[in-house]
């Protein structure tokens, strides 16, 4: 069994902390937008019922915006994971194998 050096262990702990931080921030952003939309829908539905075109209410583009926002946040996470996170994991595992 391979053990982590102090430096690798510190890097691993920083990696876990940054993963938690990024995940929490992005999750809270998506939840805030989603629940904000649901709360407006529940308590101020007349805002989303405003006509903005022929047979089109404000609720449709706002609802689509919520979906697009969630996709963008997911894309941000994937980009971060593919660049920073994956390279850090690779670095730590290489140091573990070399010990």
N, C-alpha and C. Protein backbone atom coordinates (compact mmCIF):
# COMPACT_ATOMS: atom_id res chain seq x y z
N UNK A 1 0.84 -1.18 0.00
CA UNK A 1 0.00 0.00 0.00
C UNK A 1 0.89 1.24 0.00
N UNK A 2 0.56 2.20 -0.83
CA UNK A 2 1.34 3.42 -0.96
C UNK A 2 0.78 4.49 -0.02
N UNK A 3 1.67 5.15 0.68
CA UNK A 3 1.24 6.23 1.57
C UNK A 3 1.60 7.57 0.95
N UNK A 4 0.85 8.57 1.33
CA UNK A 4 1.10 9.92 0.83
C UNK A 4 2.20 10.58 1.63
N UNK A 5 3.08 11.30 0.94
CA UNK A 5 4.05 12.12 1.64
C UNK A 5 3.31 13.31 2.23
N UNK A 6 3.98 14.03 3.12
CA UNK A 6 3.33 15.20 3.73
C UNK A 6 2.91 16.22 2.68
N UNK A 7 3.79 16.44 1.70
CA UNK A 7 3.47 17.41 0.64
C UNK A 7 2.28 16.93 -0.19
N UNK A 8 2.29 15.66 -0.57
CA UNK A 8 1.20 15.11 -1.37
C UNK A 8 -0.10 15.10 -0.56
N UNK A 9 0.01 14.81 0.73
CA UNK A 9 -1.18 14.81 1.57
C UNK A 9 -1.75 16.22 1.68
N UNK A 10 -0.89 17.21 1.82
CA UNK A 10 -1.34 18.61 1.88
C UNK A 10 -2.00 19.01 0.56
N UNK A 11 -1.38 18.63 -0.55
CA UNK A 11 -1.97 18.93 -1.87
C UNK A 11 -3.31 18.24 -2.05
N UNK A 12 -3.41 17.00 -1.56
CA UNK A 12 -4.67 16.28 -1.66
C UNK A 12 -5.76 16.96 -0.83
N UNK A 13 -5.42 17.40 0.37
CA UNK A 13 -6.39 18.10 1.21
C UNK A 13 -6.84 19.41 0.57
N UNK A 14 -5.89 20.13 -0.05
CA UNK A 14 -6.25 21.36 -0.77
C UNK A 14 -7.16 21.04 -1.95
N UNK A 15 -6.88 19.96 -2.64
CA UNK A 15 -7.70 19.55 -3.78
C UNK A 15 -9.12 19.22 -3.34
N UNK A 16 -9.25 18.47 -2.26
CA UNK A 16 -10.57 18.13 -1.73
C UNK A 16 -11.31 19.40 -1.31
N UNK A 17 -10.63 20.32 -0.65
CA UNK A 17 -11.25 21.57 -0.22
C UNK A 17 -11.70 22.40 -1.41
N UNK A 18 -10.87 22.48 -2.45
CA UNK A 18 -11.28 23.27 -3.62
C UNK A 18 -12.44 22.61 -4.35
N UNK A 19 -12.45 21.28 -4.39
CA UNK A 19 -13.57 20.58 -5.02
C UNK A 19 -14.86 20.85 -4.27
N UNK A 20 -14.80 20.78 -2.95
CA UNK A 20 -15.99 21.07 -2.14
C UNK A 20 -16.46 22.51 -2.36
N UNK A 21 -15.51 23.44 -2.36
CA UNK A 21 -15.84 24.85 -2.50
C UNK A 21 -16.51 25.12 -3.86
N UNK A 22 -15.89 24.64 -4.92
CA UNK A 22 -16.45 24.84 -6.27
C UNK A 22 -17.81 24.17 -6.38
N UNK A 23 -17.92 22.95 -5.91
CA UNK A 23 -19.20 22.23 -5.98
C UNK A 23 -20.30 22.94 -5.21
N UNK A 24 -19.96 23.42 -4.02
CA UNK A 24 -20.95 24.12 -3.19
C UNK A 24 -21.40 25.42 -3.84
N UNK A 25 -20.46 26.20 -4.34
CA UNK A 25 -20.80 27.47 -4.97
C UNK A 25 -21.70 27.25 -6.19
N UNK A 26 -21.31 26.33 -7.06
CA UNK A 26 -22.10 26.09 -8.27
C UNK A 26 -23.47 25.50 -7.94
N UNK A 27 -23.51 24.62 -6.95
CA UNK A 27 -24.80 24.04 -6.54
C UNK A 27 -25.72 25.12 -5.99
N UNK A 28 -25.19 25.99 -5.14
CA UNK A 28 -26.00 27.07 -4.57
C UNK A 28 -26.49 28.03 -5.65
N UNK A 29 -25.65 28.30 -6.65
CA UNK A 29 -26.08 29.16 -7.76
C UNK A 29 -27.27 28.55 -8.51
N UNK A 30 -27.15 27.28 -8.84
CA UNK A 30 -28.24 26.62 -9.58
C UNK A 30 -29.50 26.55 -8.73
N UNK A 31 -29.35 26.21 -7.45
CA UNK A 31 -30.52 26.14 -6.57
C UNK A 31 -31.18 27.50 -6.40
N UNK A 32 -30.38 28.56 -6.28
CA UNK A 32 -30.94 29.90 -6.12
C UNK A 32 -31.75 30.30 -7.36
N UNK A 33 -31.20 30.04 -8.53
CA UNK A 33 -31.92 30.39 -9.76
C UNK A 33 -33.18 29.54 -9.89
N UNK A 34 -33.06 28.24 -9.66
CA UNK A 34 -34.21 27.35 -9.81
C UNK A 34 -35.31 27.68 -8.79
N UNK A 35 -34.95 27.80 -7.52
CA UNK A 35 -35.97 28.09 -6.52
C UNK A 35 -36.50 29.51 -6.64
N UNK A 36 -35.67 30.42 -7.12
CA UNK A 36 -36.16 31.77 -7.41
C UNK A 36 -37.26 31.73 -8.46
N UNK A 37 -37.04 30.96 -9.51
CA UNK A 37 -38.04 30.78 -10.56
C UNK A 37 -39.31 30.15 -10.00
N UNK A 38 -39.16 29.11 -9.20
CA UNK A 38 -40.31 28.42 -8.62
C UNK A 38 -41.07 29.34 -7.67
N UNK A 39 -40.36 30.13 -6.87
CA UNK A 39 -41.03 31.06 -5.96
C UNK A 39 -41.79 32.15 -6.70
N UNK A 40 -41.20 32.66 -7.77
CA UNK A 40 -41.92 33.64 -8.59
C UNK A 40 -43.14 32.99 -9.22
N UNK A 41 -42.98 31.78 -9.69
CA UNK A 41 -44.11 31.05 -10.28
C UNK A 41 -45.22 30.82 -9.25
N UNK A 42 -44.85 30.54 -8.02
CA UNK A 42 -45.84 30.24 -6.98
C UNK A 42 -46.51 31.48 -6.41
N UNK A 43 -45.73 32.56 -6.21
CA UNK A 43 -46.26 33.70 -5.48
C UNK A 43 -46.46 34.96 -6.32
N UNK A 44 -45.89 35.02 -7.48
CA UNK A 44 -46.06 36.20 -8.34
C UNK A 44 -46.23 35.76 -9.79
N UNK A 45 -47.13 34.85 -9.96
CA UNK A 45 -47.31 34.25 -11.28
C UNK A 45 -47.71 35.26 -12.34
N UNK A 46 -48.31 36.38 -11.93
CA UNK A 46 -48.70 37.40 -12.89
C UNK A 46 -47.49 38.01 -13.61
N UNK A 47 -46.32 38.00 -12.96
CA UNK A 47 -45.10 38.50 -13.62
C UNK A 47 -44.73 37.59 -14.80
N UNK A 48 -44.77 36.30 -14.56
CA UNK A 48 -44.41 35.35 -15.62
C UNK A 48 -45.52 35.21 -16.67
N UNK A 49 -46.72 35.70 -16.35
CA UNK A 49 -47.83 35.62 -17.29
C UNK A 49 -47.88 36.81 -18.23
N UNK A 50 -46.97 37.76 -18.09
CA UNK A 50 -46.96 38.93 -18.97
C UNK A 50 -46.74 38.51 -20.41
N UNK A 51 -47.55 39.04 -21.30
CA UNK A 51 -47.39 38.75 -22.72
C UNK A 51 -46.22 39.56 -23.28
N UNK A 52 -45.33 38.88 -23.97
CA UNK A 52 -44.21 39.56 -24.60
C UNK A 52 -44.22 39.40 -26.11
N UNK A 53 -45.18 38.70 -26.60
CA UNK A 53 -45.31 38.49 -28.04
C UNK A 53 -46.61 37.77 -28.32
N UNK A 54 -46.81 37.43 -29.55
CA UNK A 54 -48.03 36.75 -29.96
C UNK A 54 -48.08 35.35 -29.34
N UNK A 55 -48.91 35.22 -28.30
CA UNK A 55 -49.07 33.93 -27.64
C UNK A 55 -47.87 33.50 -26.81
N UNK A 56 -46.97 34.44 -26.50
CA UNK A 56 -45.77 34.11 -25.74
C UNK A 56 -45.75 34.92 -24.45
N UNK A 57 -45.59 34.22 -23.34
CA UNK A 57 -45.52 34.90 -22.06
C UNK A 57 -44.06 34.94 -21.59
N UNK A 58 -43.81 35.76 -20.60
CA UNK A 58 -42.47 35.90 -20.05
C UNK A 58 -41.97 34.61 -19.41
N UNK A 59 -42.88 33.78 -18.95
CA UNK A 59 -42.51 32.54 -18.27
C UNK A 59 -41.71 31.58 -19.14
N UNK A 60 -42.02 31.52 -20.42
CA UNK A 60 -41.32 30.58 -21.30
C UNK A 60 -39.84 30.93 -21.45
N UNK A 61 -39.47 32.15 -21.84
CA UNK A 61 -38.03 32.44 -21.94
C UNK A 61 -37.31 32.41 -20.59
N UNK A 62 -38.00 32.79 -19.52
CA UNK A 62 -37.37 32.72 -18.20
C UNK A 62 -37.13 31.27 -17.82
N UNK A 63 -38.10 30.40 -18.05
CA UNK A 63 -37.94 28.97 -17.77
C UNK A 63 -36.82 28.36 -18.61
N UNK A 64 -36.76 28.73 -19.88
CA UNK A 64 -35.67 28.24 -20.72
C UNK A 64 -34.33 28.80 -20.23
N UNK A 65 -34.35 30.03 -19.74
CA UNK A 65 -33.14 30.63 -19.19
C UNK A 65 -32.62 29.85 -17.98
N UNK A 66 -33.53 29.36 -17.16
CA UNK A 66 -33.14 28.54 -16.00
C UNK A 66 -32.44 27.28 -16.48
N UNK A 67 -32.98 26.66 -17.51
CA UNK A 67 -32.38 25.44 -18.06
C UNK A 67 -31.02 25.73 -18.67
N UNK A 68 -30.93 26.81 -19.44
CA UNK A 68 -29.66 27.19 -20.07
C UNK A 68 -28.63 27.53 -19.00
N UNK A 69 -29.06 28.24 -17.94
CA UNK A 69 -28.15 28.58 -16.85
C UNK A 69 -27.59 27.32 -16.21
N UNK A 70 -28.44 26.33 -15.97
CA UNK A 70 -27.98 25.07 -15.37
C UNK A 70 -26.96 24.38 -16.28
N UNK A 71 -27.20 24.42 -17.58
CA UNK A 71 -26.26 23.81 -18.53
C UNK A 71 -24.93 24.56 -18.53
N UNK A 72 -24.97 25.89 -18.46
CA UNK A 72 -23.75 26.69 -18.43
C UNK A 72 -22.94 26.42 -17.15
N UNK A 73 -23.63 26.32 -16.03
CA UNK A 73 -22.94 26.03 -14.77
C UNK A 73 -22.31 24.63 -14.83
N UNK A 74 -23.02 23.69 -15.42
CA UNK A 74 -22.46 22.34 -15.59
C UNK A 74 -21.23 22.40 -16.48
N UNK A 75 -21.30 23.19 -17.55
CA UNK A 75 -20.14 23.36 -18.42
C UNK A 75 -18.96 23.99 -17.70
N UNK A 76 -19.23 24.96 -16.84
CA UNK A 76 -18.15 25.56 -16.04
C UNK A 76 -17.48 24.52 -15.15
N UNK A 77 -18.30 23.70 -14.52
CA UNK A 77 -17.74 22.66 -13.65
C UNK A 77 -16.90 21.67 -14.45
N UNK A 78 -17.40 21.25 -15.59
CA UNK A 78 -16.67 20.29 -16.43
C UNK A 78 -15.35 20.91 -16.90
N UNK A 79 -15.39 22.17 -17.29
CA UNK A 79 -14.16 22.84 -17.72
C UNK A 79 -13.15 22.90 -16.57
N UNK A 80 -13.61 23.28 -15.38
CA UNK A 80 -12.73 23.32 -14.22
C UNK A 80 -12.18 21.93 -13.91
N UNK A 81 -13.04 20.93 -13.95
CA UNK A 81 -12.61 19.56 -13.64
C UNK A 81 -11.60 19.06 -14.67
N UNK A 82 -11.83 19.36 -15.93
CA UNK A 82 -10.93 18.87 -16.98
C UNK A 82 -9.59 19.58 -16.98
N UNK A 83 -9.53 20.79 -16.47
CA UNK A 83 -8.26 21.51 -16.47
C UNK A 83 -7.58 21.39 -15.12
N UNK A 84 -8.08 22.06 -14.12
CA UNK A 84 -7.42 22.12 -12.82
C UNK A 84 -7.50 20.81 -12.04
N UNK A 85 -8.68 20.29 -11.88
CA UNK A 85 -8.89 19.14 -11.00
C UNK A 85 -8.18 17.90 -11.51
N UNK A 86 -8.38 17.56 -12.77
CA UNK A 86 -7.79 16.35 -13.31
C UNK A 86 -6.27 16.39 -13.29
N UNK A 87 -5.69 17.55 -13.60
CA UNK A 87 -4.23 17.65 -13.58
C UNK A 87 -3.70 17.51 -12.15
N UNK A 88 -4.41 18.05 -11.17
CA UNK A 88 -4.00 17.91 -9.78
C UNK A 88 -4.09 16.46 -9.32
N UNK A 89 -5.15 15.78 -9.69
CA UNK A 89 -5.29 14.36 -9.34
C UNK A 89 -4.16 13.56 -9.98
N UNK A 90 -3.88 13.85 -11.24
CA UNK A 90 -2.80 13.13 -11.94
C UNK A 90 -1.46 13.36 -11.25
N UNK A 91 -1.20 14.59 -10.86
CA UNK A 91 0.06 14.92 -10.18
C UNK A 91 0.19 14.17 -8.85
N UNK A 92 -0.87 14.15 -8.09
CA UNK A 92 -0.84 13.47 -6.79
C UNK A 92 -0.66 11.97 -6.97
N UNK A 93 -1.37 11.38 -7.91
CA UNK A 93 -1.25 9.93 -8.11
C UNK A 93 0.13 9.56 -8.64
N UNK A 94 0.73 10.42 -9.46
CA UNK A 94 2.10 10.13 -9.95
C UNK A 94 3.09 10.17 -8.78
N UNK A 95 2.91 11.13 -7.89
CA UNK A 95 3.81 11.19 -6.73
C UNK A 95 3.62 9.98 -5.81
N UNK A 96 2.39 9.49 -5.72
CA UNK A 96 2.14 8.30 -4.90
C UNK A 96 2.83 7.08 -5.52
N UNK A 97 2.79 6.98 -6.83
CA UNK A 97 3.39 5.82 -7.50
C UNK A 97 4.91 5.85 -7.44
N UNK A 98 5.46 7.06 -7.40
CA UNK A 98 6.92 7.17 -7.38
C UNK A 98 7.50 6.87 -6.00
N UNK A 99 6.67 6.89 -4.98
CA UNK A 99 7.16 6.60 -3.61
C UNK A 99 7.24 5.13 -3.35
